[in-house]
PDB file of N, CA and C in Angstrom:
ATOM      1  N   MET A   1     100.726 177.919 111.274  1.00  0.00           N
ATOM      2  CA  MET A   1      99.970 177.363 112.497  1.00  0.00           C
ATOM      3  C   MET A   1      98.443 177.304 112.087  1.00  0.00           C
ATOM      4  N   ARG A   2      97.854 176.279 112.537  1.00  0.00           N
ATOM      5  CA  ARG A   2      96.432 175.948 112.286  1.00  0.00           C
ATOM      6  C   ARG A   2      95.633 176.990 113.138  1.00  0.00           C
ATOM      7  N   SER A   3      94.569 177.459 112.650  1.00  0.00           N
ATOM      8  CA  SER A   3      93.662 178.347 113.390  1.00  0.00           C
ATOM      9  C   SER A   3      92.781 177.544 114.311  1.00  0.00           C
ATOM     10  N   LYS A   4      92.218 178.088 115.397  1.00  0.00           N
ATOM     11  CA  LYS A   4      91.390 177.342 116.301  1.00  0.00           C
ATOM     12  C   LYS A   4      90.121 177.030 115.639  1.00  0.00           C
ATOM     13  N   PHE A   5      89.344 175.953 116.127  1.00  0.00           N
ATOM     14  CA  PHE A   5      88.086 175.612 115.662  1.00  0.00           C
ATOM     15  C   PHE A   5      87.107 176.529 116.018  1.00  0.00           C
ATOM     16  N   ARG A   6      85.980 176.727 115.022  1.00  0.00           N
ATOM     17  CA  ARG A   6      84.967 177.628 115.350  1.00  0.00           C
ATOM     18  C   ARG A   6      84.023 176.713 116.069  1.00  0.00           C
ATOM     19  N   ILE A   7      83.535 177.234 117.252  1.00  0.00           N
ATOM     20  CA  ILE A   7      82.561 176.429 117.916  1.00  0.00           C
ATOM     21  C   ILE A   7      81.152 176.935 117.903  1.00  0.00           C
ATOM     22  N   GLY A   8      80.267 175.966 117.606  1.00  0.00           N
ATOM     23  CA  GLY A   8      78.916 176.289 117.571  1.00  0.00           C
ATOM     24  C   GLY A   8      78.248 176.044 119.094  1.00  0.00           C
ATOM     25  N   LEU A   9      77.581 177.148 119.477  1.00  0.00           N
ATOM     26  CA  LEU A   9      77.047 176.998 120.893  1.00  0.00           C
ATOM     27  C   LEU A   9      75.540 176.956 120.810  1.00  0.00           C
ATOM     28  N   PHE A  10      75.213 175.814 121.296  1.00  0.00           N
ATOM     29  CA  PHE A  10      73.736 175.429 121.289  1.00  0.00           C
ATOM     30  C   PHE A  10      73.199 175.576 122.710  1.00  0.00           C
ATOM     31  N   TYR A  11      71.876 176.120 122.804  1.00  0.00           N
ATOM     32  CA  TYR A  11      71.394 176.276 124.073  1.00  0.00           C
ATOM     33  C   TYR A  11      69.911 176.441 123.905  1.00  0.00           C
ATOM     34  N   ASN A  12      69.208 176.091 125.018  1.00  0.00           N
ATOM     35  CA  ASN A  12      67.686 176.419 125.118  1.00  0.00           C
ATOM     36  C   ASN A  12      67.616 177.338 126.232  1.00  0.00           C
ATOM     37  N   LEU A  13      67.077 178.543 126.170  1.00  0.00           N
ATOM     38  CA  LEU A  13      66.877 179.428 127.321  1.00  0.00           C
ATOM     39  C   LEU A  13      65.638 179.243 128.078  1.00  0.00           C
ATOM     40  N   ARG A  14      65.645 179.205 129.379  1.00  0.00           N
ATOM     41  CA  ARG A  14      64.433 178.995 130.033  1.00  0.00           C
ATOM     42  C   ARG A  14      63.428 180.061 129.801  1.00  0.00           C
ATOM     43  N   SER A  15      63.820 181.288 129.580  1.00  0.00           N
ATOM     44  CA  SER A  15      63.055 182.406 129.301  1.00  0.00           C
ATOM     45  C   SER A  15      62.232 182.279 127.948  1.00  0.00           C
ATOM     46  N   GLU A  16      62.672 181.419 127.183  1.00  0.00           N
ATOM     47  CA  GLU A  16      62.086 181.305 125.773  1.00  0.00           C
ATOM     48  C   GLU A  16      60.955 180.059 125.902  1.00  0.00           C
ATOM     49  N   TYR A  17      60.912 179.454 127.019  1.00  0.00           N
ATOM     50  CA  TYR A  17      59.910 178.381 127.184  1.00  0.00           C
ATOM     51  C   TYR A  17      59.304 178.496 128.677  1.00  0.00           C
ATOM     52  N   PRO A  18      58.532 179.361 128.896  1.00  0.00           N
ATOM     53  CA  PRO A  18      57.836 179.588 130.189  1.00  0.00           C
ATOM     54  C   PRO A  18      56.999 178.402 130.580  1.00  0.00           C
ATOM     55  N   VAL A  19      56.887 178.111 131.838  1.00  0.00           N
ATOM     56  CA  VAL A  19      56.059 177.092 132.464  1.00  0.00           C
ATOM     57  C   VAL A  19      54.707 177.252 132.213  1.00  0.00           C
ATOM     58  N   GLY A  20      53.936 176.455 131.517  1.00  0.00           N
ATOM     59  CA  GLY A  20      52.570 176.654 131.205  1.00  0.00           C
ATOM     60  C   GLY A  20      51.623 176.069 132.356  1.00  0.00           C
ATOM     61  N   ASP A  21      50.360 176.250 132.176  1.00  0.00           N
ATOM     62  CA  ASP A  21      49.456 175.888 133.177  1.00  0.00           C
ATOM     63  C   ASP A  21      49.396 174.336 133.086  1.00  0.00           C
ATOM     64  N   GLY A  22      49.372 173.699 134.318  1.00  0.00           N
ATOM     65  CA  GLY A  22      49.455 172.254 134.459  1.00  0.00           C
ATOM     66  C   GLY A  22      50.639 171.599 134.248  1.00  0.00           C
ATOM     67  N   GLN A  23      51.754 172.295 134.080  1.00  0.00           N
ATOM     68  CA  GLN A  23      53.069 171.706 133.811  1.00  0.00           C
ATOM     69  C   GLN A  23      53.911 171.739 135.303  1.00  0.00           C
ATOM     70  N   PRO A  24      54.792 170.865 135.407  1.00  0.00           N
ATOM     71  CA  PRO A  24      55.428 170.883 136.711  1.00  0.00           C
ATOM     72  C   PRO A  24      56.446 172.218 136.724  1.00  0.00           C
ATOM     73  N   ILE A  25      56.608 172.783 137.811  1.00  0.00           N
ATOM     74  CA  ILE A  25      57.170 174.180 137.877  1.00  0.00           C
ATOM     75  C   ILE A  25      58.719 173.919 137.475  1.00  0.00           C
ATOM     76  N   ASP A  26      59.197 172.798 137.564  1.00  0.00           N
ATOM     77  CA  ASP A  26      60.683 172.584 137.196  1.00  0.00           C
ATOM     78  C   ASP A  26      60.813 171.913 135.775  1.00  0.00           C
ATOM     79  N   ILE A  27      59.826 172.014 134.925  1.00  0.00           N
ATOM     80  CA  ILE A  27      59.839 171.367 133.611  1.00  0.00           C
ATOM     81  C   ILE A  27      61.120 171.904 132.827  1.00  0.00           C
ATOM     82  N   ASN A  28      61.481 173.036 132.963  1.00  0.00           N
ATOM     83  CA  ASN A  28      62.640 173.573 132.191  1.00  0.00           C
ATOM     84  C   ASN A  28      63.908 173.758 133.067  1.00  0.00           C
ATOM     85  N   ALA A  29      63.870 173.093 134.136  1.00  0.00           N
ATOM     86  CA  ALA A  29      64.891 173.241 135.026  1.00  0.00           C
ATOM     87  C   ALA A  29      66.355 173.050 134.565  1.00  0.00           C
ATOM     88  N   ASP A  30      66.573 172.145 133.580  1.00  0.00           N
ATOM     89  CA  ASP A  30      67.855 171.827 133.119  1.00  0.00           C
ATOM     90  C   ASP A  30      68.203 172.691 131.918  1.00  0.00           C
ATOM     91  N   TRP A  31      67.353 173.615 131.490  1.00  0.00           N
ATOM     92  CA  TRP A  31      67.691 174.492 130.392  1.00  0.00           C
ATOM     93  C   TRP A  31      68.633 175.694 130.965  1.00  0.00           C
ATOM     94  N   ASP A  32      69.219 176.341 129.980  1.00  0.00           N
ATOM     95  CA  ASP A  32      70.182 177.500 130.437  1.00  0.00           C
ATOM     96  C   ASP A  32      69.478 178.747 130.700  1.00  0.00           C
ATOM     97  N   THR A  33      70.273 179.644 131.508  1.00  0.00           N
ATOM     98  CA  THR A  33      69.924 180.905 131.725  1.00  0.00           C
ATOM     99  C   THR A  33      70.859 181.719 130.849  1.00  0.00           C
ATOM    100  N   LEU A  34      70.448 182.910 130.492  1.00  0.00           N
ATOM    101  CA  LEU A  34      71.271 183.859 129.728  1.00  0.00           C
ATOM    102  C   LEU A  34      72.671 183.904 130.253  1.00  0.00           C
ATOM    103  N   GLU A  35      72.609 184.052 131.634  1.00  0.00           N
ATOM    104  CA  GLU A  35      73.932 184.274 132.332  1.00  0.00           C
ATOM    105  C   GLU A  35      74.927 183.114 132.091  1.00  0.00           C
ATOM    106  N   THR A  36      74.373 181.966 132.059  1.00  0.00           N
ATOM    107  CA  THR A  36      75.246 180.783 131.858  1.00  0.00           C
ATOM    108  C   THR A  36      75.909 180.725 130.445  1.00  0.00           C
ATOM    109  N   PHE A  37      74.913 181.153 129.404  1.00  0.00           N
ATOM    110  CA  PHE A  37      75.363 181.113 127.976  1.00  0.00           C
ATOM    111  C   PHE A  37      76.430 182.219 127.889  1.00  0.00           C
ATOM    112  N   VAL A  38      76.185 183.411 128.346  1.00  0.00           N
ATOM    113  CA  VAL A  38      77.251 184.404 128.221  1.00  0.00           C
ATOM    114  C   VAL A  38      78.523 184.110 128.880  1.00  0.00           C
ATOM    115  N   GLU A  39      78.569 183.485 129.893  1.00  0.00           N
ATOM    116  CA  GLU A  39      79.855 183.089 130.698  1.00  0.00           C
ATOM    117  C   GLU A  39      80.532 181.934 129.848  1.00  0.00           C
ATOM    118  N   VAL A  40      79.858 180.881 129.315  1.00  0.00           N
ATOM    119  CA  VAL A  40      80.505 179.906 128.528  1.00  0.00           C
ATOM    120  C   VAL A  40      81.137 180.417 127.187  1.00  0.00           C
ATOM    121  N   GLN A  41      80.322 181.458 126.552  1.00  0.00           N
ATOM    122  CA  GLN A  41      80.875 182.065 125.255  1.00  0.00           C
ATOM    123  C   GLN A  41      82.059 182.928 125.665  1.00  0.00           C
ATOM    124  N   ARG A  42      81.878 183.661 126.729  1.00  0.00           N
ATOM    125  CA  ARG A  42      83.123 184.502 127.063  1.00  0.00           C
ATOM    126  C   ARG A  42      84.383 183.672 127.490  1.00  0.00           C
ATOM    127  N   ALA A  43      84.237 182.561 128.051  1.00  0.00           N
ATOM    128  CA  ALA A  43      85.305 181.643 128.371  1.00  0.00           C
ATOM    129  C   ALA A  43      85.986 181.128 127.129  1.00  0.00           C
ATOM    130  N   LEU A  44      85.186 180.652 126.174  1.00  0.00           N
ATOM    131  CA  LEU A  44      85.773 180.104 124.997  1.00  0.00           C
ATOM    132  C   LEU A  44      86.387 181.149 124.127  1.00  0.00           C
ATOM    133  N   GLU A  45      85.857 182.429 124.083  1.00  0.00           N
ATOM    134  CA  GLU A  45      86.513 183.459 123.395  1.00  0.00           C
ATOM    135  C   GLU A  45      87.730 184.018 123.999  1.00  0.00           C
ATOM    136  N   THR A  46      87.821 183.903 125.212  1.00  0.00           N
ATOM    137  CA  THR A  46      89.097 184.153 126.067  1.00  0.00           C
ATOM    138  C   THR A  46      90.192 183.331 125.625  1.00  0.00           C
ATOM    139  N   LEU A  47      89.933 182.113 125.415  1.00  0.00           N
ATOM    140  CA  LEU A  47      90.853 181.116 125.009  1.00  0.00           C
ATOM    141  C   LEU A  47      91.117 181.144 123.506  1.00  0.00           C
ATOM    142  N   GLY A  48      90.473 182.152 122.804  1.00  0.00           N
ATOM    143  CA  GLY A  48      90.824 182.311 121.308  1.00  0.00           C
ATOM    144  C   GLY A  48      89.847 181.626 120.360  1.00  0.00           C
ATOM    145  N   TYR A  49      88.851 180.970 120.889  1.00  0.00           N
ATOM    146  CA  TYR A  49      88.029 180.325 119.967  1.00  0.00           C
ATOM    147  C   TYR A  49      86.936 181.154 119.514  1.00  0.00           C
ATOM    148  N   PRO A  50      86.599 181.236 118.105  1.00  0.00           N
ATOM    149  CA  PRO A  50      85.419 181.940 117.739  1.00  0.00           C
ATOM    150  C   PRO A  50      84.260 181.192 117.956  1.00  0.00           C
ATOM    151  N   VAL A  51      83.236 181.958 118.453  1.00  0.00           N
ATOM    152  CA  VAL A  51      82.071 181.305 118.968  1.00  0.00           C
ATOM    153  C   VAL A  51      80.796 181.698 117.842  1.00  0.00           C
ATOM    154  N   ILE A  52      80.117 180.720 117.440  1.00  0.00           N
ATOM    155  CA  ILE A  52      78.999 180.903 116.619  1.00  0.00           C
ATOM    156  C   ILE A  52      77.719 180.604 117.500  1.00  0.00           C
ATOM    157  N   GLN A  53      76.888 181.639 117.707  1.00  0.00           N
ATOM    158  CA  GLN A  53      75.675 181.445 118.507  1.00  0.00           C
ATOM    159  C   GLN A  53      74.565 180.821 117.653  1.00  0.00           C
ATOM    160  N   VAL A  54      74.318 179.612 118.050  1.00  0.00           N
ATOM    161  CA  VAL A  54      73.372 178.849 117.247  1.00  0.00           C
ATOM    162  C   VAL A  54      72.008 178.802 117.958  1.00  0.00           C
ATOM    163  N   GLY A  55      71.934 178.494 119.286  1.00  0.00           N
ATOM    164  CA  GLY A  55      70.663 178.451 119.948  1.00  0.00           C
ATOM    165  C   GLY A  55      70.133 177.079 119.997  1.00  0.00           C
ATOM    166  N   ASP A  56      68.828 176.970 119.416  1.00  0.00           N
ATOM    167  CA  ASP A  56      68.085 175.760 119.544  1.00  0.00           C
ATOM    168  C   ASP A  56      68.888 174.632 118.789  1.00  0.00           C
ATOM    169  N   PRO A  57      69.117 173.419 119.561  1.00  0.00           N
ATOM    170  CA  PRO A  57      69.773 172.409 118.833  1.00  0.00           C
ATOM    171  C   PRO A  57      69.152 171.967 117.519  1.00  0.00           C
ATOM    172  N   SER A  58      67.847 172.065 117.405  1.00  0.00           N
ATOM    173  CA  SER A  58      67.125 171.500 116.251  1.00  0.00           C
ATOM    174  C   SER A  58      67.621 172.298 114.955  1.00  0.00           C
ATOM    175  N   LYS A  59      68.321 173.369 115.067  1.00  0.00           N
ATOM    176  CA  LYS A  59      68.969 174.058 113.910  1.00  0.00           C
ATOM    177  C   LYS A  59      70.053 173.313 113.279  1.00  0.00           C
ATOM    178  N   LEU A  60      70.579 172.133 113.957  1.00  0.00           N
ATOM    179  CA  LEU A  60      71.476 171.346 113.168  1.00  0.00           C
ATOM    180  C   LEU A  60      71.010 170.718 111.934  1.00  0.00           C
ATOM    181  N   LEU A  61      69.686 170.722 111.918  1.00  0.00           N
ATOM    182  CA  LEU A  61      69.117 170.081 110.693  1.00  0.00           C
ATOM    183  C   LEU A  61      69.299 170.943 109.509  1.00  0.00           C
ATOM    184  N   ASN A  62      69.700 172.243 109.680  1.00  0.00           N
ATOM    185  CA  ASN A  62      69.864 173.106 108.583  1.00  0.00           C
ATOM    186  C   ASN A  62      71.373 173.004 108.119  1.00  0.00           C
ATOM    187  N   ALA A  63      71.680 172.612 106.914  1.00  0.00           N
ATOM    188  CA  ALA A  63      72.940 172.422 106.389  1.00  0.00           C
ATOM    189  C   ALA A  63      73.889 173.689 106.461  1.00  0.00           C
ATOM    190  N   LYS A  64      73.327 174.824 106.182  1.00  0.00           N
ATOM    191  CA  LYS A  64      74.040 176.014 106.143  1.00  0.00           C
ATOM    192  C   LYS A  64      74.437 176.326 107.562  1.00  0.00           C
ATOM    193  N   ILE A  65      73.647 176.154 108.470  1.00  0.00           N
ATOM    194  CA  ILE A  65      73.975 176.366 109.917  1.00  0.00           C
ATOM    195  C   ILE A  65      75.060 175.309 110.384  1.00  0.00           C
ATOM    196  N   ARG A  66      74.780 174.171 109.983  1.00  0.00           N
ATOM    197  CA  ARG A  66      75.742 173.090 110.414  1.00  0.00           C
ATOM    198  C   ARG A  66      76.988 173.180 109.956  1.00  0.00           C
ATOM    199  N   ASN A  67      77.168 173.800 108.819  1.00  0.00           N
ATOM    200  CA  ASN A  67      78.578 173.983 108.120  1.00  0.00           C
ATOM    201  C   ASN A  67      79.215 175.367 108.519  1.00  0.00           C
ATOM    202  N   SER A  68      78.569 176.128 109.386  1.00  0.00           N
ATOM    203  CA  SER A  68      79.135 177.355 109.758  1.00  0.00           C
ATOM    204  C   SER A  68      80.111 177.292 110.989  1.00  0.00           C
ATOM    205  N   PHE A  69      80.293 176.167 111.555  1.00  0.00           N
ATOM    206  CA  PHE A  69      81.205 175.884 112.591  1.00  0.00           C
ATOM    207  C   PHE A  69      81.889 174.574 112.516  1.00  0.00           C
ATOM    208  N   ASP A  70      82.970 174.400 113.218  1.00  0.00           N
ATOM    209  CA  ASP A  70      83.652 172.985 113.199  1.00  0.00           C
ATOM    210  C   ASP A  70      83.126 172.096 114.221  1.00  0.00           C
ATOM    211  N   ILE A  71      82.950 172.542 115.423  1.00  0.00           N
ATOM    212  CA  ILE A  71      82.590 171.721 116.487  1.00  0.00           C
ATOM    213  C   ILE A  71      81.517 172.400 117.352  1.00  0.00           C
TER     214      ILE A  71
END
């Protein structure tokens, strides 16, 4: 039997990018909260998928990181 895919989980946390002076208060409204990230990871792991925490999507530029997961 084939093992399940390793899933790379990318996210930008609002807490890592606070709203600065002169920026709209909702500038990071579409970014994730830690609670959302934890629940998504938990759900995937419950289904048996190994999850690799990657974080910032720009890390895809690093070949070592890019090759550490399947999807």
